[in-house]
């Protein structure tokens, strides 16, 4: 168990999958949870679950492709809890395998804007608060796809490569302000997004898939004081699907 009492964590894309698992884990460990998503239904049920488990949190709807929404999310979080101590950039769009010549222009823009630009802009909005308090943890959810290209995975993988680069860049820029920045690179994970993109029934079909709760455990560690010596690092968490095993 960790003690995140009096700490506030903001998690983007928290309505399902990895984001939801991380939000629940932080709620169980005493944090004030700010969960964001584009839609209300799933995110409201998440906060209800956190509260039923004895935790505390709020949800804020908003689209990370919209800078007005980003400002609203950050402003409301700080107004209610006074600070943002941990930022977990998890919001992402995943797409099936599509060769470049067939890739829809609007889909490309949406994936880039959500996965990469949205992460950049919400982090930029939060940084003045973290710099002022001389502390903070930023955790970017990248992917095994951030380690190499792959046929048909152009937009998704380029964003995940970009998140690793942003992690290193921000770590270099922010270490003097007491802010640690790291990334997690999950392998294939049994989420709703994975099942939809690849027409899969999940871990029952592919036992090599990781459970979202396994990624949440890494996110807890990186958000805690126990990881104070770690910054600028992308942690590979490929699990049973590690390419070394094949």
C-alpha atoms as a PDB file:
ATOM      1  CA  UNK A   1       0.000   0.000   0.000  1.00  0.00           C
ATOM      2  CA  UNK A   2       1.023   3.591  -0.646  1.00  0.00           C
ATOM      3  CA  UNK A   3      -0.023   6.717   1.213  1.00  0.00           C
ATOM      4  CA  UNK A   4      -1.156   9.464  -1.156  1.00  0.00           C
ATOM      5  CA  UNK A   5      -3.061  11.345   1.543  1.00  0.00           C
ATOM      6  CA  UNK A   6      -3.291  15.071   0.705  1.00  0.00           C
ATOM      7  CA  UNK A   7      -1.995  14.379  -2.828  1.00  0.00           C
ATOM      8  CA  UNK A   8      -4.069  15.148  -5.905  1.00  0.00           C
ATOM      9  CA  UNK A   9      -3.694  13.073  -9.053  1.00  0.00           C
ATOM     10  CA  UNK A  10      -5.170  14.075 -12.410  1.00  0.00           C
ATOM     11  CA  UNK A  11      -5.682  11.219 -14.859  1.00  0.00           C
ATOM     12  CA  UNK A  12      -6.675  11.811 -18.469  1.00  0.00           C
ATOM     13  CA  UNK A  13      -8.673   9.192 -20.338  1.00  0.00           C
ATOM     14  CA  UNK A  14      -9.788   7.674 -17.039  1.00  0.00           C
ATOM     15  CA  UNK A  15     -13.188   6.288 -18.018  1.00  0.00           C
ATOM     16  CA  UNK A  16     -11.982   2.795 -18.918  1.00  0.00           C
ATOM     17  CA  UNK A  17      -8.995   0.529 -19.459  1.00  0.00           C
ATOM     18  CA  UNK A  18      -5.630   1.519 -18.033  1.00  0.00           C
ATOM     19  CA  UNK A  19      -6.828   4.972 -16.975  1.00  0.00           C
ATOM     20  CA  UNK A  20      -9.713   3.569 -14.954  1.00  0.00           C
ATOM     21  CA  UNK A  21      -7.475   1.003 -13.255  1.00  0.00           C
ATOM     22  CA  UNK A  22      -4.988   3.734 -12.320  1.00  0.00           C
ATOM     23  CA  UNK A  23      -7.740   5.986 -10.956  1.00  0.00           C
ATOM     24  CA  UNK A  24      -9.157   3.188  -8.800  1.00  0.00           C
ATOM     25  CA  UNK A  25      -5.689   2.314  -7.498  1.00  0.00           C
ATOM     26  CA  UNK A  26      -4.909   5.891  -6.499  1.00  0.00           C
ATOM     27  CA  UNK A  27      -8.327   6.227  -4.876  1.00  0.00           C
ATOM     28  CA  UNK A  28      -7.703   3.123  -2.776  1.00  0.00           C
ATOM     29  CA  UNK A  29      -4.363   4.584  -1.692  1.00  0.00           C
ATOM     30  CA  UNK A  30      -5.754   7.856  -0.377  1.00  0.00           C
ATOM     31  CA  UNK A  31      -5.295  10.334  -3.238  1.00  0.00           C
ATOM     32  CA  UNK A  32      -7.750  12.968  -4.329  1.00  0.00           C
ATOM     33  CA  UNK A  33      -8.577  11.696  -7.816  1.00  0.00           C
ATOM     34  CA  UNK A  34      -9.447  13.990 -10.714  1.00  0.00           C
ATOM     35  CA  UNK A  35     -10.672  11.783 -13.554  1.00  0.00           C
ATOM     36  CA  UNK A  36     -11.185  13.216 -17.017  1.00  0.00           C
ATOM     37  CA  UNK A  37     -12.938  11.884 -20.088  1.00  0.00           C
ATOM     38  CA  UNK A  38     -14.866  13.192 -23.064  1.00  0.00           C
ATOM     39  CA  UNK A  39     -18.119  11.609 -21.895  1.00  0.00           C
ATOM     40  CA  UNK A  40     -19.851  11.597 -18.517  1.00  0.00           C
ATOM     41  CA  UNK A  41     -21.505   8.204 -18.072  1.00  0.00           C
ATOM     42  CA  UNK A  42     -18.473   5.973 -17.493  1.00  0.00           C
ATOM     43  CA  UNK A  43     -16.438   8.606 -15.680  1.00  0.00           C
ATOM     44  CA  UNK A  44     -19.231   9.338 -13.192  1.00  0.00           C
ATOM     45  CA  UNK A  45     -19.562   5.636 -12.360  1.00  0.00           C
ATOM     46  CA  UNK A  46     -15.794   5.512 -11.776  1.00  0.00           C
ATOM     47  CA  UNK A  47     -15.952   8.300  -9.181  1.00  0.00           C
ATOM     48  CA  UNK A  48     -18.941   6.619  -7.536  1.00  0.00           C
ATOM     49  CA  UNK A  49     -16.883   3.426  -7.259  1.00  0.00           C
ATOM     50  CA  UNK A  50     -13.913   5.303  -5.783  1.00  0.00           C
ATOM     51  CA  UNK A  51     -16.176   6.923  -3.180  1.00  0.00           C
ATOM     52  CA  UNK A  52     -17.894   3.624  -2.351  1.00  0.00           C
ATOM     53  CA  UNK A  53     -14.423   2.236  -1.581  1.00  0.00           C
ATOM     54  CA  UNK A  54     -13.796   5.090   0.856  1.00  0.00           C
ATOM     55  CA  UNK A  55     -11.848   7.316  -1.520  1.00  0.00           C
ATOM     56  CA  UNK A  56     -12.308  10.866  -2.739  1.00  0.00           C
ATOM     57  CA  UNK A  57     -12.518  12.258  -6.241  1.00  0.00           C
ATOM     58  CA  UNK A  58     -14.262  14.270  -8.907  1.00  0.00           C
ATOM     59  CA  UNK A  59     -14.759  13.885 -12.628  1.00  0.00           C
ATOM     60  CA  UNK A  60     -14.439  16.608 -15.251  1.00  0.00           C
ATOM     61  CA  UNK A  61     -15.539  16.066 -18.827  1.00  0.00           C
ATOM     62  CA  UNK A  62     -13.506  17.600 -21.606  1.00  0.00           C
ATOM     63  CA  UNK A  63     -11.756  16.963 -24.895  1.00  0.00           C
ATOM     64  CA  UNK A  64      -7.965  17.231 -24.943  1.00  0.00           C
ATOM     65  CA  UNK A  65      -8.192  18.371 -28.563  1.00  0.00           C
ATOM     66  CA  UNK A  66      -9.818  21.561 -27.221  1.00  0.00           C
ATOM     67  CA  UNK A  67      -7.584  24.024 -25.350  1.00  0.00           C
ATOM     68  CA  UNK A  68     -10.620  25.661 -23.707  1.00  0.00           C
ATOM     69  CA  UNK A  69     -11.538  22.290 -22.181  1.00  0.00           C
ATOM     70  CA  UNK A  70      -7.951  21.776 -21.034  1.00  0.00           C
ATOM     71  CA  UNK A  71      -7.934  25.111 -19.205  1.00  0.00           C
ATOM     72  CA  UNK A  72     -11.291  24.248 -17.608  1.00  0.00           C
ATOM     73  CA  UNK A  73     -10.011  20.885 -16.374  1.00  0.00           C
ATOM     74  CA  UNK A  74      -6.895  22.347 -14.785  1.00  0.00           C
ATOM     75  CA  UNK A  75      -8.625  25.400 -13.300  1.00  0.00           C
ATOM     76  CA  UNK A  76     -11.422  23.360 -11.715  1.00  0.00           C
ATOM     77  CA  UNK A  77      -8.987  20.793 -10.294  1.00  0.00           C
ATOM     78  CA  UNK A  78      -6.881  23.470  -8.606  1.00  0.00           C
ATOM     79  CA  UNK A  79      -9.919  25.401  -7.373  1.00  0.00           C
ATOM     80  CA  UNK A  80     -11.257  22.305  -5.617  1.00  0.00           C
ATOM     81  CA  UNK A  81      -8.088  20.633  -4.337  1.00  0.00           C
ATOM     82  CA  UNK A  82      -5.547  23.464  -4.293  1.00  0.00           C
ATOM     83  CA  UNK A  83      -2.872  21.707  -6.326  1.00  0.00           C
ATOM     84  CA  UNK A  84      -2.102  18.978  -8.808  1.00  0.00           C
ATOM     85  CA  UNK A  85       0.704  16.796  -7.484  1.00  0.00           C
ATOM     86  CA  UNK A  86       0.634  13.963 -10.007  1.00  0.00           C
ATOM     87  CA  UNK A  87      -0.362  14.090 -13.680  1.00  0.00           C
ATOM     88  CA  UNK A  88      -0.962  10.869 -15.563  1.00  0.00           C
ATOM     89  CA  UNK A  89      -1.231  11.393 -19.309  1.00  0.00           C
ATOM     90  CA  UNK A  90      -3.204   8.358 -20.403  1.00  0.00           C
ATOM     91  CA  UNK A  91      -5.805   9.614 -22.911  1.00  0.00           C
ATOM     92  CA  UNK A  92      -5.312   7.924 -26.260  1.00  0.00           C
ATOM     93  CA  UNK A  93      -6.949   6.784 -29.461  1.00  0.00           C
ATOM     94  CA  UNK A  94      -5.986   3.404 -30.820  1.00  0.00           C
ATOM     95  CA  UNK A  95      -6.611   2.284 -34.394  1.00  0.00           C
ATOM     96  CA  UNK A  96      -6.549  -1.037 -36.249  1.00  0.00           C
ATOM     97  CA  UNK A  97      -3.832  -1.832 -38.751  1.00  0.00           C
ATOM     98  CA  UNK A  98      -4.237   0.511 -41.731  1.00  0.00           C
ATOM     99  CA  UNK A  99      -1.590   0.986 -44.412  1.00  0.00           C
ATOM    100  CA  UNK A 100      -0.555   4.592 -45.025  1.00  0.00           C
ATOM    101  CA  UNK A 101      -2.103   4.784 -48.498  1.00  0.00           C
ATOM    102  CA  UNK A 102      -5.515   3.923 -46.997  1.00  0.00           C
ATOM    103  CA  UNK A 103      -5.189   5.981 -43.796  1.00  0.00           C
ATOM    104  CA  UNK A 104      -7.988   8.520 -43.347  1.00  0.00           C
ATOM    105  CA  UNK A 105      -6.715  12.094 -42.936  1.00  0.00           C
ATOM    106  CA  UNK A 106      -9.154  12.950 -40.154  1.00  0.00           C
ATOM    107  CA  UNK A 107      -8.279   9.789 -38.222  1.00  0.00           C
ATOM    108  CA  UNK A 108      -4.579  10.688 -38.450  1.00  0.00           C
ATOM    109  CA  UNK A 109      -5.234  14.172 -37.061  1.00  0.00           C
ATOM    110  CA  UNK A 110      -7.454  12.848 -34.284  1.00  0.00           C
ATOM    111  CA  UNK A 111      -4.892  10.286 -33.111  1.00  0.00           C
ATOM    112  CA  UNK A 112      -2.048  12.822 -33.177  1.00  0.00           C
ATOM    113  CA  UNK A 113      -4.126  15.503 -31.455  1.00  0.00           C
ATOM    114  CA  UNK A 114      -5.416  13.221 -28.701  1.00  0.00           C
ATOM    115  CA  UNK A 115      -2.362  11.092 -27.964  1.00  0.00           C
ATOM    116  CA  UNK A 116       0.415  13.639 -28.417  1.00  0.00           C
ATOM    117  CA  UNK A 117      -0.806  17.227 -28.710  1.00  0.00           C
ATOM    118  CA  UNK A 118      -3.375  16.818 -25.931  1.00  0.00           C
ATOM    119  CA  UNK A 119      -0.678  15.472 -23.634  1.00  0.00           C
ATOM    120  CA  UNK A 120       1.589  18.404 -24.473  1.00  0.00           C
ATOM    121  CA  UNK A 121      -1.037  21.074 -23.893  1.00  0.00           C
ATOM    122  CA  UNK A 122      -2.474  19.773 -20.621  1.00  0.00           C
ATOM    123  CA  UNK A 123       1.031  19.297 -19.246  1.00  0.00           C
ATOM    124  CA  UNK A 124       1.950  22.829 -20.304  1.00  0.00           C
ATOM    125  CA  UNK A 125      -1.151  24.139 -18.516  1.00  0.00           C
ATOM    126  CA  UNK A 126      -0.324  22.295 -15.280  1.00  0.00           C
ATOM    127  CA  UNK A 127       3.408  22.998 -15.156  1.00  0.00           C
ATOM    128  CA  UNK A 128       3.228  26.516 -13.643  1.00  0.00           C
ATOM    129  CA  UNK A 129       1.464  25.012 -10.606  1.00  0.00           C
ATOM    130  CA  UNK A 130       4.033  22.238 -10.192  1.00  0.00           C
ATOM    131  CA  UNK A 131       6.933  24.654 -10.685  1.00  0.00           C
ATOM    132  CA  UNK A 132       5.483  27.018  -8.079  1.00  0.00           C
ATOM    133  CA  UNK A 133       5.200  24.205  -5.520  1.00  0.00           C
ATOM    134  CA  UNK A 134       8.688  22.859  -6.455  1.00  0.00           C
ATOM    135  CA  UNK A 135       7.396  19.319  -6.765  1.00  0.00           C
ATOM    136  CA  UNK A 136       5.409  17.068  -9.028  1.00  0.00           C
ATOM    137  CA  UNK A 137       5.232  13.748 -10.810  1.00  0.00           C
ATOM    138  CA  UNK A 138       4.325  13.371 -14.479  1.00  0.00           C
ATOM    139  CA  UNK A 139       3.689   9.903 -15.883  1.00  0.00           C
ATOM    140  CA  UNK A 140       3.140   9.444 -19.611  1.00  0.00           C
ATOM    141  CA  UNK A 141       1.485   6.229 -20.760  1.00  0.00           C
ATOM    142  CA  UNK A 142       3.426   5.293 -23.880  1.00  0.00           C
ATOM    143  CA  UNK A 143       3.471   1.757 -25.312  1.00  0.00           C
ATOM    144  CA  UNK A 144       5.540  -1.118 -26.604  1.00  0.00           C
ATOM    145  CA  UNK A 145       4.626   0.628 -29.859  1.00  0.00           C
ATOM    146  CA  UNK A 146       6.851   3.504 -28.792  1.00  0.00           C
ATOM    147  CA  UNK A 147       9.888   1.295 -29.212  1.00  0.00           C
ATOM    148  CA  UNK A 148       9.581   0.562 -32.939  1.00  0.00           C
ATOM    149  CA  UNK A 149       7.462   1.066 -36.026  1.00  0.00           C
ATOM    150  CA  UNK A 150       5.073  -1.567 -37.300  1.00  0.00           C
ATOM    151  CA  UNK A 151       3.076  -2.215 -40.460  1.00  0.00           C
ATOM    152  CA  UNK A 152      -0.253  -0.420 -40.407  1.00  0.00           C
ATOM    153  CA  UNK A 153       0.308   1.258 -37.042  1.00  0.00           C
ATOM    154  CA  UNK A 154       1.668   4.611 -38.243  1.00  0.00           C
ATOM    155  CA  UNK A 155      -0.335   7.220 -36.320  1.00  0.00           C
ATOM    156  CA  UNK A 156      -0.546   5.358 -33.024  1.00  0.00           C
ATOM    157  CA  UNK A 157       3.104   4.409 -32.904  1.00  0.00           C
ATOM    158  CA  UNK A 158       4.454   7.809 -33.879  1.00  0.00           C
ATOM    159  CA  UNK A 159       2.526   9.318 -30.958  1.00  0.00           C
ATOM    160  CA  UNK A 160       3.940   6.769 -28.546  1.00  0.00           C
ATOM    161  CA  UNK A 161       7.491   7.429 -29.764  1.00  0.00           C
ATOM    162  CA  UNK A 162       6.744  11.115 -29.254  1.00  0.00           C
ATOM    163  CA  UNK A 163       5.651  10.529 -25.657  1.00  0.00           C
ATOM    164  CA  UNK A 164       8.980   8.896 -24.841  1.00  0.00           C
ATOM    165  CA  UNK A 165      10.811  11.864 -26.350  1.00  0.00           C
ATOM    166  CA  UNK A 166       8.613  14.309 -24.409  1.00  0.00           C
ATOM    167  CA  UNK A 167       9.352  12.353 -21.237  1.00  0.00           C
ATOM    168  CA  UNK A 168      13.089  12.816 -21.701  1.00  0.00           C
ATOM    169  CA  UNK A 169      12.705  16.465 -22.734  1.00  0.00           C
ATOM    170  CA  UNK A 170      10.526  17.379 -19.764  1.00  0.00           C
ATOM    171  CA  UNK A 171      12.776  15.499 -17.342  1.00  0.00           C
ATOM    172  CA  UNK A 172      15.716  17.585 -18.562  1.00  0.00           C
ATOM    173  CA  UNK A 173      13.745  20.829 -18.308  1.00  0.00           C
ATOM    174  CA  UNK A 174      12.061  20.217 -14.966  1.00  0.00           C
ATOM    175  CA  UNK A 175      14.507  18.373 -12.712  1.00  0.00           C
ATOM    176  CA  UNK A 176      15.701  21.643 -11.177  1.00  0.00           C
ATOM    177  CA  UNK A 177      12.117  22.311 -10.077  1.00  0.00           C
ATOM    178  CA  UNK A 178      11.781  19.002  -8.228  1.00  0.00           C
ATOM    179  CA  UNK A 179       9.536  17.480 -10.888  1.00  0.00           C
ATOM    180  CA  UNK A 180      10.039  13.880 -11.992  1.00  0.00           C
ATOM    181  CA  UNK A 181       8.867  12.792 -15.441  1.00  0.00           C
ATOM    182  CA  UNK A 182       8.682   9.161 -16.508  1.00  0.00           C
ATOM    183  CA  UNK A 183       6.825   6.968 -18.970  1.00  0.00           C
ATOM    184  CA  UNK A 184       5.334   3.504 -18.903  1.00  0.00           C
ATOM    185  CA  UNK A 185       5.457   1.386 -22.065  1.00  0.00           C
ATOM    186  CA  UNK A 186       2.835  -1.359 -21.704  1.00  0.00           C
ATOM    187  CA  UNK A 187       2.720  -4.301 -24.031  1.00  0.00           C
ATOM    188  CA  UNK A 188      -0.622  -5.498 -25.344  1.00  0.00           C
ATOM    189  CA  UNK A 189      -3.185  -4.810 -22.618  1.00  0.00           C
ATOM    190  CA  UNK A 190      -6.692  -6.190 -22.242  1.00  0.00           C
ATOM    191  CA  UNK A 191      -8.655  -2.957 -22.573  1.00  0.00           C
ATOM    192  CA  UNK A 192     -11.860  -2.025 -24.348  1.00  0.00           C
ATOM    193  CA  UNK A 193      -9.817  -0.042 -26.867  1.00  0.00           C
ATOM    194  CA  UNK A 194      -7.635  -3.042 -27.682  1.00  0.00           C
ATOM    195  CA  UNK A 195     -10.617  -5.351 -28.074  1.00  0.00           C
ATOM    196  CA  UNK A 196     -12.402  -2.922 -30.377  1.00  0.00           C
ATOM    197  CA  UNK A 197      -9.389  -2.061 -32.541  1.00  0.00           C
ATOM    198  CA  UNK A 198      -8.341  -5.666 -33.070  1.00  0.00           C
ATOM    199  CA  UNK A 199     -11.742  -7.387 -32.914  1.00  0.00           C
ATOM    200  CA  UNK A 200     -10.475  -9.413 -29.982  1.00  0.00           C
ATOM    201  CA  UNK A 201     -12.136 -11.067 -27.007  1.00  0.00           C
ATOM    202  CA  UNK A 202      -9.170 -10.063 -24.895  1.00  0.00           C
ATOM    203  CA  UNK A 203      -7.131 -12.113 -22.482  1.00  0.00           C
ATOM    204  CA  UNK A 204      -9.270 -15.222 -22.974  1.00  0.00           C
ATOM    205  CA  UNK A 205      -8.205 -15.234 -26.617  1.00  0.00           C
ATOM    206  CA  UNK A 206      -4.649 -14.027 -26.017  1.00  0.00           C
ATOM    207  CA  UNK A 207      -3.281 -14.986 -22.571  1.00  0.00           C
ATOM    208  CA  UNK A 208      -0.151 -12.904 -23.219  1.00  0.00           C
ATOM    209  CA  UNK A 209      -2.132  -9.700 -22.733  1.00  0.00           C
ATOM    210  CA  UNK A 210      -1.479  -7.630 -19.610  1.00  0.00           C
ATOM    211  CA  UNK A 211      -4.254  -6.685 -17.194  1.00  0.00           C
ATOM    212  CA  UNK A 212      -4.748  -2.915 -16.698  1.00  0.00           C
ATOM    213  CA  UNK A 213      -4.278  -3.403 -12.956  1.00  0.00           C
ATOM    214  CA  UNK A 214      -0.687  -4.486 -13.577  1.00  0.00           C
ATOM    215  CA  UNK A 215       0.065  -1.142 -15.227  1.00  0.00           C
ATOM    216  CA  UNK A 216      -1.679   0.667 -12.372  1.00  0.00           C
ATOM    217  CA  UNK A 217       0.824  -0.812  -9.916  1.00  0.00           C
ATOM    218  CA  UNK A 218       3.704   0.719 -11.872  1.00  0.00           C
ATOM    219  CA  UNK A 219       1.891   4.056 -11.989  1.00  0.00           C
ATOM    220  CA  UNK A 220       1.496   3.994  -8.203  1.00  0.00           C
ATOM    221  CA  UNK A 221       5.223   3.440  -7.742  1.00  0.00           C
ATOM    222  CA  UNK A 222       6.188   6.228 -10.147  1.00  0.00           C
ATOM    223  CA  UNK A 223       3.808   8.635  -8.424  1.00  0.00           C
ATOM    224  CA  UNK A 224       5.174   7.841  -4.980  1.00  0.00           C
ATOM    225  CA  UNK A 225       8.170   9.140  -3.034  1.00  0.00           C
ATOM    226  CA  UNK A 226       9.783   5.718  -3.512  1.00  0.00           C
ATOM    227  CA  UNK A 227      10.588   6.661  -7.123  1.00  0.00           C
ATOM    228  CA  UNK A 228      12.315   9.950  -6.255  1.00  0.00           C
ATOM    229  CA  UNK A 229      15.581   8.852  -7.912  1.00  0.00           C
ATOM    230  CA  UNK A 230      13.895   7.982 -11.216  1.00  0.00           C
ATOM    231  CA  UNK A 231      13.278  10.588 -13.915  1.00  0.00           C
ATOM    232  CA  UNK A 232      13.575  10.663 -17.696  1.00  0.00           C
ATOM    233  CA  UNK A 233      12.975   6.925 -17.861  1.00  0.00           C
ATOM    234  CA  UNK A 234      10.542   4.863 -19.932  1.00  0.00           C
ATOM    235  CA  UNK A 235       9.753   1.603 -18.158  1.00  0.00           C
ATOM    236  CA  UNK A 236       9.034  -1.317 -20.468  1.00  0.00           C
ATOM    237  CA  UNK A 237       6.201  -3.405 -19.072  1.00  0.00           C
ATOM    238  CA  UNK A 238       5.670  -5.901 -21.848  1.00  0.00           C
ATOM    239  CA  UNK A 239       4.705  -8.731 -19.494  1.00  0.00           C
ATOM    240  CA  UNK A 240       4.049 -12.110 -21.052  1.00  0.00           C
ATOM    241  CA  UNK A 241       4.194 -10.580 -24.532  1.00  0.00           C
ATOM    242  CA  UNK A 242       7.820  -9.479 -24.220  1.00  0.00           C
ATOM    243  CA  UNK A 243       9.513  -9.832 -27.644  1.00  0.00           C
ATOM    244  CA  UNK A 244      12.441 -11.511 -25.859  1.00  0.00           C
ATOM    245  CA  UNK A 245      10.230 -14.524 -25.276  1.00  0.00           C
ATOM    246  CA  UNK A 246       9.420 -15.062 -28.957  1.00  0.00           C
END
